[in-house]
Amino acid sequence: MVADYPVSFGVARPEKFERPQLFLRIIVYFFLSFISGLAYFGLPIIAAIWISQKGPQKFLEEDGPRVKGWLRWLTGLYAYLYILTDKFPSETGDDQVQFDVQVGGSPSVGSALLRLIYSIPSAIVLGVLSWVGAVIWIIAAVQVLMNETYSPGLFDFQCGVVRWNARLLAYHASLVDPYPPFAFDTGPQAAPASTA
């Protein structure tokens, strides 16, 4: 595991999954599928605008917590869609999904916009992992329909995909400077204490 990276994600595995949630996930996915592309392209642009208006330090201090909240909700949505939890994300947070970003660095307008290009290799790997995750989603859905649970190995893989995505989104939002690691961490990861 890459324990020193400033973005963490973990989820408590439910004992049983609710079968009707599978159908709700399919409906939610089709209505919200555009959010992923919007976040990928929109976060660096929003960060660049706010950095140009306020400067890097004020951006991190004033806007960092708001953007972190958006990413927490979005990561909770991905955890829900990837069958990691049966709870749809809410603004108040979810005890099952842990997400934290240790906000820091010195972003600039240029670095925020260049992240659209710099993150292409990580986005390509995430795309491949997401395709595999889609196949695993189908297998997990069948297992949930039959047993109200699915294999821990499949759960860990899906957790790794969502963790990769969370790291990439935090990098795109200019909340962290280090490039997301090319490490496919699976399984639970405890969230560190919030620093921002």
N, C-alpha and C. Protein backbone atom coordinates (compact mmCIF):
# COMPACT_ATOMS: atom_id res chain seq x y z
N MET A 1 0.83 -1.19 0.00
CA MET A 1 0.00 0.00 0.00
C MET A 1 0.87 1.24 0.00
N VAL A 2 0.37 2.28 -0.58
CA VAL A 2 1.06 3.56 -0.60
C VAL A 2 0.50 4.38 0.54
N ALA A 3 1.00 4.14 1.74
CA ALA A 3 0.42 4.73 2.95
C ALA A 3 0.74 6.21 3.09
N ASP A 4 1.82 6.67 2.45
CA ASP A 4 2.21 8.07 2.65
C ASP A 4 1.60 9.01 1.62
N TYR A 5 0.80 8.50 0.69
CA TYR A 5 0.16 9.39 -0.28
C TYR A 5 -0.94 10.18 0.44
N PRO A 6 -1.10 11.48 0.13
CA PRO A 6 -2.02 12.32 0.92
C PRO A 6 -3.51 12.11 0.67
N VAL A 7 -3.88 11.11 -0.11
CA VAL A 7 -5.30 10.81 -0.34
C VAL A 7 -5.55 9.39 0.12
N SER A 8 -6.57 9.21 0.93
CA SER A 8 -6.90 7.88 1.42
C SER A 8 -8.37 7.58 1.19
N PHE A 9 -8.64 6.31 0.97
CA PHE A 9 -10.00 5.84 0.77
C PHE A 9 -10.11 4.45 1.37
N GLY A 10 -11.18 4.21 2.06
CA GLY A 10 -11.47 2.90 2.60
C GLY A 10 -12.97 2.76 2.76
N VAL A 11 -13.42 1.53 2.82
CA VAL A 11 -14.86 1.30 2.97
C VAL A 11 -15.06 0.05 3.83
N ALA A 12 -16.01 0.12 4.73
CA ALA A 12 -16.37 -1.02 5.57
C ALA A 12 -17.30 -1.93 4.77
N ARG A 13 -16.91 -3.17 4.62
CA ARG A 13 -17.70 -4.12 3.82
C ARG A 13 -18.95 -4.53 4.59
N PRO A 14 -20.13 -4.32 3.99
CA PRO A 14 -21.36 -4.76 4.67
C PRO A 14 -21.44 -6.29 4.73
N GLU A 15 -22.11 -6.80 5.73
CA GLU A 15 -22.28 -8.26 5.82
C GLU A 15 -23.15 -8.77 4.67
N LYS A 16 -24.20 -8.01 4.37
CA LYS A 16 -25.11 -8.37 3.27
C LYS A 16 -25.39 -7.15 2.42
N PHE A 17 -25.59 -7.37 1.15
CA PHE A 17 -25.97 -6.31 0.23
C PHE A 17 -27.45 -6.49 -0.11
N GLU A 18 -28.14 -5.40 -0.31
CA GLU A 18 -29.56 -5.44 -0.63
C GLU A 18 -29.75 -5.62 -2.13
N ARG A 19 -30.52 -6.62 -2.51
CA ARG A 19 -30.74 -6.92 -3.93
C ARG A 19 -31.38 -5.75 -4.69
N PRO A 20 -32.40 -5.06 -4.14
CA PRO A 20 -33.01 -3.96 -4.90
C PRO A 20 -32.04 -2.82 -5.21
N GLN A 21 -30.97 -2.68 -4.39
CA GLN A 21 -29.99 -1.64 -4.64
C GLN A 21 -29.29 -1.82 -5.98
N LEU A 22 -29.18 -3.07 -6.47
CA LEU A 22 -28.55 -3.31 -7.77
C LEU A 22 -29.30 -2.58 -8.87
N PHE A 23 -30.61 -2.65 -8.85
CA PHE A 23 -31.42 -2.01 -9.89
C PHE A 23 -31.36 -0.49 -9.76
N LEU A 24 -31.34 -0.01 -8.52
CA LEU A 24 -31.21 1.43 -8.31
C LEU A 24 -29.86 1.92 -8.82
N ARG A 25 -28.81 1.14 -8.63
CA ARG A 25 -27.47 1.51 -9.12
C ARG A 25 -27.48 1.68 -10.64
N ILE A 26 -28.14 0.79 -11.33
CA ILE A 26 -28.19 0.87 -12.80
C ILE A 26 -28.87 2.16 -13.23
N ILE A 27 -29.97 2.50 -12.59
CA ILE A 27 -30.69 3.74 -12.93
C ILE A 27 -29.82 4.96 -12.61
N VAL A 28 -29.22 4.97 -11.44
CA VAL A 28 -28.37 6.09 -11.03
C VAL A 28 -27.19 6.23 -11.99
N TYR A 29 -26.61 5.11 -12.39
CA TYR A 29 -25.45 5.16 -13.28
C TYR A 29 -25.80 5.88 -14.58
N PHE A 30 -26.94 5.56 -15.17
CA PHE A 30 -27.29 6.17 -16.45
C PHE A 30 -27.61 7.66 -16.30
N PHE A 31 -28.16 8.05 -15.17
CA PHE A 31 -28.46 9.47 -14.97
C PHE A 31 -27.22 10.28 -14.61
N LEU A 32 -26.26 9.66 -13.94
CA LEU A 32 -25.09 10.40 -13.45
C LEU A 32 -23.79 10.03 -14.15
N SER A 33 -23.84 9.30 -15.26
CA SER A 33 -22.62 8.85 -15.90
C SER A 33 -21.77 10.00 -16.44
N PHE A 34 -22.37 11.13 -16.72
CA PHE A 34 -21.62 12.27 -17.25
C PHE A 34 -20.75 12.93 -16.18
N ILE A 35 -21.01 12.69 -14.91
CA ILE A 35 -20.27 13.34 -13.82
C ILE A 35 -18.78 13.02 -13.89
N SER A 36 -18.43 11.79 -14.26
CA SER A 36 -17.02 11.40 -14.30
C SER A 36 -16.25 12.25 -15.31
N GLY A 37 -16.78 12.40 -16.49
CA GLY A 37 -16.12 13.23 -17.50
C GLY A 37 -16.09 14.69 -17.10
N LEU A 38 -17.17 15.15 -16.52
CA LEU A 38 -17.24 16.53 -16.06
C LEU A 38 -16.20 16.80 -14.98
N ALA A 39 -16.06 15.87 -14.05
CA ALA A 39 -15.07 16.02 -12.99
C ALA A 39 -13.66 15.99 -13.56
N TYR A 40 -13.41 15.09 -14.51
CA TYR A 40 -12.07 14.97 -15.08
C TYR A 40 -11.63 16.27 -15.74
N PHE A 41 -12.49 16.86 -16.54
CA PHE A 41 -12.14 18.09 -17.25
C PHE A 41 -12.44 19.35 -16.44
N GLY A 42 -13.47 19.30 -15.61
CA GLY A 42 -13.90 20.49 -14.90
C GLY A 42 -13.05 20.87 -13.69
N LEU A 43 -12.59 19.88 -12.93
CA LEU A 43 -11.83 20.18 -11.72
C LEU A 43 -10.56 20.99 -11.99
N PRO A 44 -9.74 20.64 -12.98
CA PRO A 44 -8.55 21.47 -13.23
C PRO A 44 -8.90 22.89 -13.67
N ILE A 45 -9.97 23.03 -14.42
CA ILE A 45 -10.37 24.37 -14.89
C ILE A 45 -10.87 25.21 -13.73
N ILE A 46 -11.71 24.62 -12.89
CA ILE A 46 -12.21 25.34 -11.70
C ILE A 46 -11.04 25.72 -10.79
N ALA A 47 -10.12 24.77 -10.58
CA ALA A 47 -8.96 25.05 -9.72
C ALA A 47 -8.13 26.20 -10.31
N ALA A 48 -7.91 26.19 -11.61
CA ALA A 48 -7.12 27.25 -12.25
C ALA A 48 -7.79 28.62 -12.08
N ILE A 49 -9.10 28.66 -12.24
CA ILE A 49 -9.83 29.93 -12.08
C ILE A 49 -9.71 30.43 -10.64
N TRP A 50 -9.95 29.56 -9.66
CA TRP A 50 -9.89 29.99 -8.26
C TRP A 50 -8.47 30.35 -7.84
N ILE A 51 -7.47 29.63 -8.37
CA ILE A 51 -6.08 29.97 -8.04
C ILE A 51 -5.73 31.34 -8.61
N SER A 52 -6.21 31.63 -9.84
CA SER A 52 -5.91 32.94 -10.44
C SER A 52 -6.60 34.07 -9.69
N GLN A 53 -7.75 33.80 -9.10
CA GLN A 53 -8.48 34.84 -8.37
C GLN A 53 -7.92 35.07 -6.97
N LYS A 54 -7.52 34.00 -6.29
CA LYS A 54 -7.18 34.09 -4.87
C LYS A 54 -5.72 33.83 -4.55
N GLY A 55 -5.01 33.20 -5.45
CA GLY A 55 -3.65 32.76 -5.16
C GLY A 55 -3.66 31.35 -4.61
N PRO A 56 -2.53 30.68 -4.65
CA PRO A 56 -2.50 29.26 -4.26
C PRO A 56 -2.85 29.00 -2.79
N GLN A 57 -2.32 29.81 -1.88
CA GLN A 57 -2.56 29.55 -0.46
C GLN A 57 -4.02 29.76 -0.08
N LYS A 58 -4.62 30.85 -0.55
CA LYS A 58 -6.04 31.08 -0.23
C LYS A 58 -6.92 30.04 -0.90
N PHE A 59 -6.53 29.60 -2.10
CA PHE A 59 -7.30 28.53 -2.76
C PHE A 59 -7.33 27.29 -1.87
N LEU A 60 -6.17 26.88 -1.38
CA LEU A 60 -6.11 25.68 -0.55
C LEU A 60 -6.84 25.87 0.77
N GLU A 61 -6.73 27.06 1.37
CA GLU A 61 -7.35 27.31 2.68
C GLU A 61 -8.86 27.51 2.57
N GLU A 62 -9.30 28.31 1.58
CA GLU A 62 -10.72 28.67 1.49
C GLU A 62 -11.53 27.70 0.63
N ASP A 63 -10.98 27.32 -0.50
CA ASP A 63 -11.73 26.47 -1.43
C ASP A 63 -11.41 25.00 -1.28
N GLY A 64 -10.24 24.69 -0.70
CA GLY A 64 -9.85 23.30 -0.50
C GLY A 64 -10.88 22.47 0.24
N PRO A 65 -11.40 22.95 1.38
CA PRO A 65 -12.41 22.16 2.10
C PRO A 65 -13.69 21.93 1.28
N ARG A 66 -14.10 22.93 0.51
CA ARG A 66 -15.30 22.77 -0.32
C ARG A 66 -15.07 21.72 -1.40
N VAL A 67 -13.94 21.81 -2.09
CA VAL A 67 -13.63 20.85 -3.15
C VAL A 67 -13.45 19.46 -2.55
N LYS A 68 -12.82 19.40 -1.39
CA LYS A 68 -12.66 18.13 -0.69
C LYS A 68 -14.03 17.50 -0.38
N GLY A 69 -15.00 18.32 0.01
CA GLY A 69 -16.35 17.83 0.25
C GLY A 69 -17.00 17.29 -1.02
N TRP A 70 -16.78 17.97 -2.12
CA TRP A 70 -17.31 17.48 -3.41
C TRP A 70 -16.70 16.12 -3.75
N LEU A 71 -15.38 16.03 -3.54
CA LEU A 71 -14.70 14.77 -3.85
C LEU A 71 -15.14 13.66 -2.91
N ARG A 72 -15.40 13.99 -1.66
CA ARG A 72 -15.90 12.99 -0.70
C ARG A 72 -17.24 12.44 -1.18
N TRP A 73 -18.12 13.35 -1.63
CA TRP A 73 -19.43 12.90 -2.13
C TRP A 73 -19.26 12.07 -3.39
N LEU A 74 -18.42 12.53 -4.32
CA LEU A 74 -18.21 11.82 -5.57
C LEU A 74 -17.58 10.45 -5.34
N THR A 75 -16.64 10.37 -4.43
CA THR A 75 -16.03 9.08 -4.10
C THR A 75 -17.06 8.15 -3.44
N GLY A 76 -17.93 8.71 -2.60
CA GLY A 76 -19.02 7.92 -2.03
C GLY A 76 -19.96 7.41 -3.10
N LEU A 77 -20.19 8.22 -4.12
CA LEU A 77 -21.04 7.79 -5.25
C LEU A 77 -20.38 6.63 -5.99
N TYR A 78 -19.07 6.77 -6.24
CA TYR A 78 -18.36 5.66 -6.91
C TYR A 78 -18.39 4.40 -6.05
N ALA A 79 -18.23 4.54 -4.74
CA ALA A 79 -18.29 3.38 -3.85
C ALA A 79 -19.67 2.72 -3.94
N TYR A 80 -20.70 3.53 -4.04
CA TYR A 80 -22.06 2.99 -4.17
C TYR A 80 -22.23 2.28 -5.52
N LEU A 81 -21.80 2.94 -6.59
CA LEU A 81 -21.97 2.36 -7.93
C LEU A 81 -21.14 1.09 -8.12
N TYR A 82 -19.99 1.01 -7.49
CA TYR A 82 -19.12 -0.16 -7.63
C TYR A 82 -19.48 -1.28 -6.64
N ILE A 83 -20.63 -1.20 -6.01
CA ILE A 83 -21.14 -2.20 -5.05
C ILE A 83 -20.18 -2.39 -3.88
N LEU A 84 -19.68 -1.29 -3.35
CA LEU A 84 -18.87 -1.37 -2.14
C LEU A 84 -19.70 -1.06 -0.90
N THR A 85 -20.80 -0.38 -1.11
CA THR A 85 -21.71 -0.04 -0.02
C THR A 85 -23.12 0.05 -0.59
N ASP A 86 -24.11 -0.11 0.25
CA ASP A 86 -25.51 0.04 -0.18
C ASP A 86 -26.05 1.41 0.14
N LYS A 87 -25.22 2.27 0.71
CA LYS A 87 -25.70 3.60 1.08
C LYS A 87 -25.32 4.62 0.03
N PHE A 88 -26.32 5.33 -0.47
CA PHE A 88 -26.09 6.42 -1.41
C PHE A 88 -25.42 7.56 -0.63
N PRO A 89 -24.44 8.24 -1.22
CA PRO A 89 -23.73 9.28 -0.45
C PRO A 89 -24.64 10.44 -0.07
N SER A 90 -24.35 11.02 1.08
CA SER A 90 -25.11 12.18 1.54
C SER A 90 -24.13 13.27 1.91
N GLU A 91 -24.63 14.45 2.13
CA GLU A 91 -23.77 15.58 2.49
C GLU A 91 -23.21 15.44 3.90
N THR A 92 -23.89 14.72 4.75
CA THR A 92 -23.45 14.57 6.14
C THR A 92 -22.34 13.54 6.28
N GLY A 93 -22.06 12.79 5.23
CA GLY A 93 -21.01 11.78 5.29
C GLY A 93 -21.58 10.42 5.61
N ASP A 94 -20.75 9.42 5.47
CA ASP A 94 -21.16 8.04 5.65
C ASP A 94 -20.09 7.34 6.47
N ASP A 95 -20.51 6.63 7.50
CA ASP A 95 -19.54 5.94 8.34
C ASP A 95 -18.87 4.79 7.61
N GLN A 96 -19.53 4.23 6.60
CA GLN A 96 -18.94 3.10 5.89
C GLN A 96 -17.83 3.52 4.93
N VAL A 97 -17.95 4.68 4.32
CA VAL A 97 -16.96 5.15 3.36
C VAL A 97 -16.08 6.20 4.03
N GLN A 98 -14.77 5.93 4.04
CA GLN A 98 -13.82 6.89 4.59
C GLN A 98 -13.01 7.46 3.43
N PHE A 99 -12.97 8.78 3.35
CA PHE A 99 -12.21 9.47 2.32
C PHE A 99 -11.58 10.70 2.95
N ASP A 100 -10.30 10.89 2.71
CA ASP A 100 -9.65 12.08 3.24
C ASP A 100 -8.56 12.53 2.29
N VAL A 101 -8.35 13.83 2.25
CA VAL A 101 -7.27 14.43 1.49
C VAL A 101 -6.50 15.33 2.43
N GLN A 102 -5.21 15.14 2.51
CA GLN A 102 -4.34 16.04 3.26
C GLN A 102 -3.93 17.14 2.29
N VAL A 103 -4.71 18.21 2.29
CA VAL A 103 -4.55 19.30 1.33
C VAL A 103 -3.19 19.97 1.54
N GLY A 104 -2.49 20.19 0.44
CA GLY A 104 -1.20 20.85 0.55
C GLY A 104 -0.56 21.05 -0.82
N GLY A 105 0.56 21.71 -0.81
CA GLY A 105 1.28 21.95 -2.04
C GLY A 105 1.28 23.42 -2.40
N SER A 106 1.69 23.69 -3.61
CA SER A 106 1.71 25.08 -4.11
C SER A 106 1.22 25.09 -5.55
N PRO A 107 -0.09 24.98 -5.72
CA PRO A 107 -0.63 24.94 -7.08
C PRO A 107 -0.53 26.30 -7.77
N SER A 108 -0.46 26.26 -9.08
CA SER A 108 -0.48 27.47 -9.89
C SER A 108 -1.50 27.27 -10.99
N VAL A 109 -1.82 28.34 -11.68
CA VAL A 109 -2.78 28.24 -12.79
C VAL A 109 -2.24 27.26 -13.83
N GLY A 110 -0.97 27.41 -14.17
CA GLY A 110 -0.36 26.52 -15.16
C GLY A 110 -0.35 25.07 -14.74
N SER A 111 0.03 24.82 -13.48
CA SER A 111 0.09 23.43 -13.01
C SER A 111 -1.31 22.82 -12.96
N ALA A 112 -2.32 23.62 -12.62
CA ALA A 112 -3.70 23.11 -12.58
C ALA A 112 -4.14 22.68 -13.98
N LEU A 113 -3.86 23.49 -14.98
CA LEU A 113 -4.27 23.16 -16.35
C LEU A 113 -3.43 22.03 -16.95
N LEU A 114 -2.15 21.99 -16.61
CA LEU A 114 -1.29 20.93 -17.15
C LEU A 114 -1.66 19.56 -16.61
N ARG A 115 -2.38 19.52 -15.51
CA ARG A 115 -2.80 18.22 -14.96
C ARG A 115 -3.72 17.48 -15.92
N LEU A 116 -4.39 18.22 -16.79
CA LEU A 116 -5.21 17.56 -17.82
C LEU A 116 -4.34 16.68 -18.72
N ILE A 117 -3.12 17.14 -18.98
CA ILE A 117 -2.20 16.38 -19.84
C ILE A 117 -1.39 15.39 -19.02
N TYR A 118 -0.84 15.85 -17.88
CA TYR A 118 0.01 14.98 -17.07
C TYR A 118 -0.72 13.73 -16.58
N SER A 119 -2.00 13.83 -16.37
CA SER A 119 -2.73 12.70 -15.78
C SER A 119 -3.22 11.69 -16.83
N ILE A 120 -2.92 11.91 -18.09
CA ILE A 120 -3.38 10.99 -19.13
C ILE A 120 -2.91 9.55 -18.88
N PRO A 121 -1.63 9.30 -18.54
CA PRO A 121 -1.24 7.90 -18.28
C PRO A 121 -2.05 7.25 -17.16
N SER A 122 -2.25 7.98 -16.07
CA SER A 122 -3.03 7.42 -14.96
C SER A 122 -4.48 7.21 -15.37
N ALA A 123 -5.03 8.13 -16.16
CA ALA A 123 -6.41 8.01 -16.62
C ALA A 123 -6.58 6.81 -17.56
N ILE A 124 -5.57 6.53 -18.38
CA ILE A 124 -5.64 5.36 -19.26
C ILE A 124 -5.67 4.08 -18.44
N VAL A 125 -4.79 3.99 -17.45
CA VAL A 125 -4.78 2.80 -16.58
C VAL A 125 -6.12 2.70 -15.84
N LEU A 126 -6.62 3.83 -15.35
CA LEU A 126 -7.92 3.81 -14.66
C LEU A 126 -9.03 3.34 -15.61
N GLY A 127 -8.96 3.76 -16.86
CA GLY A 127 -9.96 3.31 -17.84
C GLY A 127 -9.94 1.80 -18.03
N VAL A 128 -8.74 1.22 -18.12
CA VAL A 128 -8.62 -0.24 -18.26
C VAL A 128 -9.14 -0.92 -17.01
N LEU A 129 -8.74 -0.40 -15.84
CA LEU A 129 -9.23 -0.98 -14.59
C LEU A 129 -10.75 -0.88 -14.48
N SER A 130 -11.31 0.21 -14.99
CA SER A 130 -12.76 0.39 -14.95
C SER A 130 -13.48 -0.61 -15.84
N TRP A 131 -12.88 -0.93 -16.98
CA TRP A 131 -13.48 -1.96 -17.84
C TRP A 131 -13.47 -3.32 -17.14
N VAL A 132 -12.37 -3.65 -16.51
CA VAL A 132 -12.31 -4.89 -15.74
C VAL A 132 -13.32 -4.81 -14.59
N GLY A 133 -13.40 -3.63 -13.96
CA GLY A 133 -14.37 -3.43 -12.89
C GLY A 133 -15.80 -3.63 -13.35
N ALA A 134 -16.10 -3.28 -14.60
CA ALA A 134 -17.45 -3.48 -15.14
C ALA A 134 -17.78 -4.97 -15.24
N VAL A 135 -16.80 -5.76 -15.66
CA VAL A 135 -17.01 -7.21 -15.73
C VAL A 135 -17.18 -7.77 -14.32
N ILE A 136 -16.35 -7.29 -13.41
CA ILE A 136 -16.46 -7.74 -12.01
C ILE A 136 -17.79 -7.31 -11.43
N TRP A 137 -18.29 -6.12 -11.82
CA TRP A 137 -19.58 -5.65 -11.33
C TRP A 137 -20.68 -6.66 -11.71
N ILE A 138 -20.64 -7.15 -12.93
CA ILE A 138 -21.66 -8.11 -13.38
C ILE A 138 -21.57 -9.40 -12.56
N ILE A 139 -20.35 -9.89 -12.35
CA ILE A 139 -20.18 -11.11 -11.55
C ILE A 139 -20.65 -10.86 -10.12
N ALA A 140 -20.27 -9.72 -9.55
CA ALA A 140 -20.69 -9.40 -8.18
C ALA A 140 -22.20 -9.26 -8.09
N ALA A 141 -22.82 -8.64 -9.10
CA ALA A 141 -24.28 -8.47 -9.10
C ALA A 141 -24.98 -9.82 -9.10
N VAL A 142 -24.48 -10.75 -9.88
CA VAL A 142 -25.08 -12.10 -9.91
C VAL A 142 -24.92 -12.76 -8.54
N GLN A 143 -23.74 -12.62 -7.95
CA GLN A 143 -23.53 -13.21 -6.62
C GLN A 143 -24.42 -12.56 -5.57
N VAL A 144 -24.61 -11.24 -5.66
CA VAL A 144 -25.49 -10.55 -4.71
C VAL A 144 -26.93 -11.02 -4.90
N LEU A 145 -27.36 -11.19 -6.13
CA LEU A 145 -28.72 -11.67 -6.38
C LEU A 145 -28.92 -13.08 -5.81
N MET A 146 -27.89 -13.89 -5.86
CA MET A 146 -28.03 -15.26 -5.36
C MET A 146 -27.80 -15.36 -3.85
N ASN A 147 -26.80 -14.64 -3.32
CA ASN A 147 -26.38 -14.85 -1.93
C ASN A 147 -26.42 -13.62 -1.04
N GLU A 148 -26.79 -12.48 -1.59
CA GLU A 148 -26.76 -11.19 -0.89
C GLU A 148 -25.35 -10.78 -0.45
N THR A 149 -24.35 -11.35 -1.06
CA THR A 149 -22.96 -10.98 -0.82
C THR A 149 -22.15 -11.41 -2.03
N TYR A 150 -20.88 -10.99 -2.08
CA TYR A 150 -20.01 -11.46 -3.14
C TYR A 150 -18.59 -11.60 -2.65
N SER A 151 -17.76 -12.20 -3.46
CA SER A 151 -16.40 -12.58 -3.10
C SER A 151 -15.58 -11.42 -2.57
N PRO A 152 -14.86 -11.63 -1.45
CA PRO A 152 -13.99 -10.58 -0.91
C PRO A 152 -12.91 -10.13 -1.89
N GLY A 153 -12.40 -11.03 -2.72
CA GLY A 153 -11.39 -10.66 -3.71
C GLY A 153 -11.94 -9.68 -4.74
N LEU A 154 -13.18 -9.90 -5.16
CA LEU A 154 -13.82 -8.98 -6.11
C LEU A 154 -14.09 -7.63 -5.43
N PHE A 155 -14.50 -7.69 -4.18
CA PHE A 155 -14.73 -6.46 -3.41
C PHE A 155 -13.43 -5.65 -3.32
N ASP A 156 -12.34 -6.34 -3.01
CA ASP A 156 -11.05 -5.66 -2.90
C ASP A 156 -10.63 -5.02 -4.22
N PHE A 157 -10.88 -5.71 -5.34
CA PHE A 157 -10.54 -5.14 -6.64
C PHE A 157 -11.34 -3.86 -6.87
N GLN A 158 -12.64 -3.90 -6.63
CA GLN A 158 -13.47 -2.72 -6.82
C GLN A 158 -13.01 -1.58 -5.91
N CYS A 159 -12.62 -1.91 -4.70
CA CYS A 159 -12.11 -0.91 -3.76
C CYS A 159 -10.84 -0.26 -4.32
N GLY A 160 -9.99 -1.06 -4.94
CA GLY A 160 -8.77 -0.53 -5.54
C GLY A 160 -9.05 0.42 -6.69
N VAL A 161 -10.06 0.11 -7.50
CA VAL A 161 -10.43 0.99 -8.62
C VAL A 161 -10.93 2.34 -8.09
N VAL A 162 -11.77 2.31 -7.08
CA VAL A 162 -12.31 3.55 -6.52
C VAL A 162 -11.19 4.35 -5.84
N ARG A 163 -10.26 3.67 -5.17
CA ARG A 163 -9.12 4.36 -4.54
C ARG A 163 -8.27 5.05 -5.60
N TRP A 164 -7.99 4.37 -6.72
CA TRP A 164 -7.22 4.97 -7.82
C TRP A 164 -7.93 6.22 -8.32
N ASN A 165 -9.23 6.11 -8.51
CA ASN A 165 -10.03 7.23 -8.99
C ASN A 165 -10.00 8.40 -8.00
N ALA A 166 -10.11 8.12 -6.72
CA ALA A 166 -10.09 9.17 -5.70
C ALA A 166 -8.77 9.92 -5.71
N ARG A 167 -7.67 9.20 -5.85
CA ARG A 167 -6.36 9.85 -5.91
C ARG A 167 -6.22 10.73 -7.14
N LEU A 168 -6.70 10.23 -8.27
CA LEU A 168 -6.62 11.01 -9.51
C LEU A 168 -7.47 12.27 -9.42
N LEU A 169 -8.66 12.17 -8.84
CA LEU A 169 -9.53 13.35 -8.72
C LEU A 169 -8.92 14.41 -7.80
N ALA A 170 -8.31 13.99 -6.69
CA ALA A 170 -7.68 14.96 -5.79
C ALA A 170 -6.50 15.64 -6.48
N TYR A 171 -5.76 14.89 -7.28
CA TYR A 171 -4.65 15.48 -8.04
C TYR A 171 -5.20 16.47 -9.07
N HIS A 172 -6.25 16.09 -9.75
CA HIS A 172 -6.87 16.97 -10.75
C HIS A 172 -7.41 18.25 -10.14
N ALA A 173 -7.86 18.19 -8.93
CA ALA A 173 -8.42 19.37 -8.27
C ALA A 173 -7.34 20.26 -7.67
N SER A 174 -6.07 19.90 -7.86
CA SER A 174 -4.92 20.65 -7.34
C SER A 174 -4.90 20.72 -5.82
N LEU A 175 -5.49 19.72 -5.17
CA LEU A 175 -5.46 19.67 -3.71
C LEU A 175 -4.17 19.04 -3.20
N VAL A 176 -3.52 18.25 -4.05
CA VAL A 176 -2.25 17.62 -3.71
C VAL A 176 -1.28 17.81 -4.87
N ASP A 177 0.00 17.92 -4.56
CA ASP A 177 1.02 18.07 -5.60
C ASP A 177 1.56 16.74 -6.12
N PRO A 178 1.77 15.73 -5.26
CA PRO A 178 2.37 14.50 -5.79
C PRO A 178 1.45 13.81 -6.80
N TYR A 179 2.07 13.31 -7.86
CA TYR A 179 1.33 12.56 -8.88
C TYR A 179 0.76 11.30 -8.24
N PRO A 180 -0.45 10.91 -8.63
CA PRO A 180 -1.04 9.69 -8.05
C PRO A 180 -0.14 8.48 -8.34
N PRO A 181 0.11 7.66 -7.35
CA PRO A 181 1.01 6.51 -7.56
C PRO A 181 0.38 5.48 -8.48
N PHE A 182 1.22 4.84 -9.26
CA PHE A 182 0.77 3.72 -10.08
C PHE A 182 0.84 2.47 -9.21
N ALA A 183 -0.01 2.43 -8.20
CA ALA A 183 -0.06 1.32 -7.27
C ALA A 183 -1.52 0.96 -7.08
N PHE A 184 -1.83 -0.29 -7.33
CA PHE A 184 -3.21 -0.74 -7.22
C PHE A 184 -3.41 -1.34 -5.83
N ASP A 185 -3.69 -0.46 -4.88
CA ASP A 185 -3.91 -0.88 -3.50
C ASP A 185 -5.33 -1.43 -3.38
N THR A 186 -5.43 -2.65 -2.92
CA THR A 186 -6.75 -3.24 -2.72
C THR A 186 -7.02 -3.36 -1.23
N GLY A 187 -8.24 -3.66 -0.92
CA GLY A 187 -8.61 -3.87 0.46
C GLY A 187 -8.80 -2.59 1.23
N PRO A 188 -9.07 -2.70 2.51
CA PRO A 188 -9.35 -1.50 3.32
C PRO A 188 -8.09 -0.69 3.57
N GLN A 189 -8.30 0.58 3.72
CA GLN A 189 -7.24 1.52 4.09
C GLN A 189 -7.84 2.52 5.04
N ALA A 190 -7.26 2.66 6.19
CA ALA A 190 -7.79 3.60 7.18
C ALA A 190 -7.51 5.03 6.74
N ALA A 191 -8.47 5.89 6.93
CA ALA A 191 -8.30 7.30 6.57
C ALA A 191 -7.53 8.01 7.67
N PRO A 192 -6.51 8.79 7.29
CA PRO A 192 -5.80 9.55 8.32
C PRO A 192 -6.64 10.69 8.84
N ALA A 193 -6.19 11.27 9.91
CA ALA A 193 -6.92 12.42 10.49
C ALA A 193 -6.90 13.57 9.53
N SER A 194 -8.00 14.28 9.45
CA SER A 194 -8.12 15.40 8.52
C SER A 194 -7.24 16.56 8.97
N THR A 195 -6.54 17.17 7.97
CA THR A 195 -5.70 18.31 8.28
C THR A 195 -6.22 19.59 7.67
N ALA A 196 -7.28 19.52 6.90
CA ALA A 196 -7.83 20.74 6.30
C ALA A 196 -9.32 20.71 6.31
